[in-house]
C-alpha cells in the first residue's frame, strides 16, 4: 500500500490493484494500470480555477495555443 497526499482535501491510496480517493464522502476506485485516467478523473473533480480563469493544476497543453 502506498499513499500520496496531493492537496489538503485529497489523499490518493494505491492498494489492492487500484487507486482510491474520496469524492463527496464516497470512495472512488480506478485501475492502477491507468494512472493517466486516474489523474484526469481526480483533476476534473479537484481542479479549482483562480479568479483569472486559470487552473493551478492545469497542464501546459491547456495553456498553449
N, C-alpha and C. Protein backbone atom coordinates (compact mmCIF):
# COMPACT_ATOMS: atom_id res chain seq x y z
N UNK A 1 0.85 -1.16 0.00
CA UNK A 1 0.00 0.00 0.00
C UNK A 1 0.90 1.23 0.00
N UNK A 2 0.52 2.21 -0.80
CA UNK A 2 1.20 3.50 -0.86
C UNK A 2 0.16 4.59 -0.74
N UNK A 3 0.60 5.77 -0.34
CA UNK A 3 -0.31 6.89 -0.21
C UNK A 3 0.37 8.14 -0.75
N UNK A 4 -0.41 8.97 -1.40
CA UNK A 4 0.09 10.24 -1.92
C UNK A 4 -0.87 11.32 -1.46
N UNK A 5 -0.39 12.23 -0.63
CA UNK A 5 -1.22 13.35 -0.19
C UNK A 5 -0.99 14.48 -1.18
N UNK A 6 -1.99 14.77 -2.00
CA UNK A 6 -1.86 15.72 -3.10
C UNK A 6 -2.23 17.12 -2.66
N UNK A 7 -3.37 17.28 -2.08
CA UNK A 7 -3.87 18.54 -1.57
C UNK A 7 -4.39 18.31 -0.16
N UNK A 8 -4.70 19.38 0.54
CA UNK A 8 -5.26 19.23 1.88
C UNK A 8 -6.48 18.34 1.86
N UNK A 9 -7.33 18.49 0.84
CA UNK A 9 -8.56 17.72 0.77
C UNK A 9 -8.46 16.46 -0.08
N UNK A 10 -7.24 16.10 -0.53
CA UNK A 10 -7.11 14.94 -1.42
C UNK A 10 -5.93 14.06 -1.02
N UNK A 11 -6.23 12.82 -0.72
CA UNK A 11 -5.22 11.79 -0.50
C UNK A 11 -5.57 10.62 -1.41
N UNK A 12 -4.60 10.16 -2.19
CA UNK A 12 -4.81 9.03 -3.10
C UNK A 12 -4.05 7.83 -2.56
N UNK A 13 -4.76 6.74 -2.39
CA UNK A 13 -4.17 5.49 -1.92
C UNK A 13 -3.97 4.56 -3.10
N UNK A 14 -2.87 3.81 -3.09
CA UNK A 14 -2.62 2.76 -4.07
C UNK A 14 -2.65 1.45 -3.30
N UNK A 15 -3.74 0.70 -3.46
CA UNK A 15 -3.86 -0.57 -2.75
C UNK A 15 -4.81 -1.50 -3.48
N UNK A 16 -4.57 -2.78 -3.31
CA UNK A 16 -5.42 -3.81 -3.90
C UNK A 16 -5.63 -3.63 -5.40
N UNK A 17 -4.59 -3.20 -6.11
CA UNK A 17 -4.66 -3.08 -7.56
C UNK A 17 -5.44 -1.89 -8.07
N UNK A 18 -5.64 -0.88 -7.22
CA UNK A 18 -6.36 0.30 -7.70
C UNK A 18 -5.92 1.55 -6.95
N UNK A 19 -6.20 2.68 -7.58
CA UNK A 19 -6.06 3.96 -6.92
C UNK A 19 -7.38 4.20 -6.19
N UNK A 20 -7.32 4.75 -5.00
CA UNK A 20 -8.54 5.05 -4.25
C UNK A 20 -8.44 6.46 -3.68
N UNK A 21 -9.54 7.20 -3.75
CA UNK A 21 -9.63 8.52 -3.15
C UNK A 21 -11.09 8.78 -2.82
N UNK A 22 -11.34 9.83 -2.07
CA UNK A 22 -12.72 10.18 -1.69
C UNK A 22 -13.20 11.40 -2.46
N UNK A 23 -14.41 11.32 -2.93
CA UNK A 23 -15.10 12.44 -3.56
C UNK A 23 -16.47 12.55 -2.91
N UNK A 24 -16.74 13.68 -2.31
CA UNK A 24 -18.06 13.95 -1.71
C UNK A 24 -18.47 12.84 -0.74
N UNK A 25 -17.51 12.34 0.04
CA UNK A 25 -17.82 11.32 1.04
C UNK A 25 -17.89 9.90 0.53
N UNK A 26 -17.69 9.69 -0.76
CA UNK A 26 -17.72 8.33 -1.33
C UNK A 26 -16.33 7.93 -1.80
N UNK A 27 -15.99 6.66 -1.64
CA UNK A 27 -14.70 6.16 -2.12
C UNK A 27 -14.78 5.87 -3.61
N UNK A 28 -13.79 6.38 -4.34
CA UNK A 28 -13.69 6.16 -5.78
C UNK A 28 -12.52 5.22 -6.03
N UNK A 29 -12.71 4.22 -6.88
CA UNK A 29 -11.66 3.29 -7.26
C UNK A 29 -11.38 3.43 -8.74
N UNK A 30 -10.09 3.33 -9.10
CA UNK A 30 -9.70 3.39 -10.51
C UNK A 30 -8.56 2.40 -10.70
N UNK A 31 -8.54 1.64 -11.82
CA UNK A 31 -7.50 0.63 -12.03
C UNK A 31 -6.09 1.22 -11.97
N UNK A 32 -5.21 0.52 -11.29
CA UNK A 32 -3.85 1.00 -11.11
C UNK A 32 -3.05 1.01 -12.42
N UNK A 33 -3.50 0.24 -13.42
CA UNK A 33 -2.78 0.22 -14.69
C UNK A 33 -3.19 1.38 -15.61
N UNK A 34 -3.97 2.33 -15.10
CA UNK A 34 -4.37 3.51 -15.87
C UNK A 34 -4.15 4.78 -15.04
N UNK A 35 -2.86 5.11 -14.73
CA UNK A 35 -2.60 6.29 -13.91
C UNK A 35 -3.03 7.60 -14.58
N UNK A 36 -2.94 7.67 -15.90
CA UNK A 36 -3.37 8.89 -16.59
C UNK A 36 -4.87 9.09 -16.44
N UNK A 37 -5.64 8.01 -16.59
CA UNK A 37 -7.08 8.10 -16.42
C UNK A 37 -7.45 8.51 -15.00
N UNK A 38 -6.73 7.97 -14.01
CA UNK A 38 -6.99 8.35 -12.62
C UNK A 38 -6.68 9.83 -12.42
N UNK A 39 -5.56 10.29 -12.96
CA UNK A 39 -5.19 11.70 -12.82
C UNK A 39 -6.23 12.61 -13.46
N UNK A 40 -6.75 12.23 -14.61
CA UNK A 40 -7.78 13.03 -15.27
C UNK A 40 -9.06 13.10 -14.45
N UNK A 41 -9.46 11.95 -13.89
CA UNK A 41 -10.67 11.93 -13.03
C UNK A 41 -10.48 12.80 -11.80
N UNK A 42 -9.30 12.69 -11.18
CA UNK A 42 -9.02 13.49 -9.99
C UNK A 42 -8.99 14.97 -10.33
N UNK A 43 -8.30 15.33 -11.41
CA UNK A 43 -8.21 16.74 -11.81
C UNK A 43 -9.58 17.32 -12.12
N UNK A 44 -10.44 16.53 -12.75
CA UNK A 44 -11.78 17.01 -13.09
C UNK A 44 -12.57 17.40 -11.84
N UNK A 45 -12.39 16.64 -10.78
CA UNK A 45 -13.14 16.90 -9.56
C UNK A 45 -12.48 17.96 -8.67
N UNK A 46 -11.15 17.97 -8.62
CA UNK A 46 -10.46 18.82 -7.66
C UNK A 46 -9.87 20.09 -8.24
N UNK A 47 -9.95 20.29 -9.54
CA UNK A 47 -9.39 21.50 -10.14
C UNK A 47 -10.21 22.70 -9.71
N UNK A 48 -9.55 23.71 -9.17
CA UNK A 48 -10.21 24.92 -8.70
C UNK A 48 -9.64 26.12 -9.45
N UNK A 49 -10.32 26.60 -10.49
CA UNK A 49 -9.80 27.75 -11.24
C UNK A 49 -9.65 28.99 -10.35
N UNK A 50 -8.66 29.79 -10.66
CA UNK A 50 -8.45 31.04 -9.94
C UNK A 50 -9.37 32.11 -10.49
N UNK A 51 -9.37 33.27 -9.90
CA UNK A 51 -10.27 34.35 -10.34
C UNK A 51 -9.98 34.79 -11.77
N UNK A 52 -8.76 34.56 -12.27
CA UNK A 52 -8.45 34.94 -13.65
C UNK A 52 -8.76 33.83 -14.65
N UNK A 53 -9.38 32.74 -14.17
CA UNK A 53 -9.80 31.66 -15.06
C UNK A 53 -8.78 30.57 -15.27
N UNK A 54 -7.58 30.73 -14.74
CA UNK A 54 -6.55 29.72 -14.89
C UNK A 54 -6.62 28.71 -13.75
N UNK A 55 -6.23 27.50 -14.06
CA UNK A 55 -6.23 26.46 -13.04
C UNK A 55 -4.81 26.22 -12.56
N UNK A 56 -4.56 26.26 -11.24
CA UNK A 56 -3.22 25.99 -10.75
C UNK A 56 -2.76 24.57 -11.00
N UNK A 57 -3.69 23.65 -11.27
CA UNK A 57 -3.33 22.27 -11.57
C UNK A 57 -3.41 21.99 -13.06
N UNK A 58 -3.64 23.01 -13.89
CA UNK A 58 -3.75 22.82 -15.33
C UNK A 58 -2.42 22.43 -15.95
N UNK A 59 -2.48 21.73 -17.04
CA UNK A 59 -1.25 21.30 -17.71
C UNK A 59 -0.79 22.36 -18.70
N UNK A 60 0.44 22.23 -19.15
CA UNK A 60 0.98 23.14 -20.14
C UNK A 60 0.15 23.09 -21.42
N UNK A 61 -0.32 21.91 -21.78
CA UNK A 61 -1.10 21.75 -23.00
C UNK A 61 -2.37 22.61 -22.99
N UNK A 62 -2.97 22.77 -21.84
CA UNK A 62 -4.21 23.55 -21.75
C UNK A 62 -3.96 25.03 -22.01
N UNK A 63 -2.73 25.48 -21.81
CA UNK A 63 -2.41 26.90 -21.93
C UNK A 63 -1.69 27.24 -23.23
N UNK A 64 -1.38 26.25 -24.05
CA UNK A 64 -0.67 26.53 -25.29
C UNK A 64 -1.65 26.82 -26.40
N UNK A 65 -1.20 27.57 -27.37
CA UNK A 65 -2.07 27.95 -28.50
C UNK A 65 -2.08 26.91 -29.58
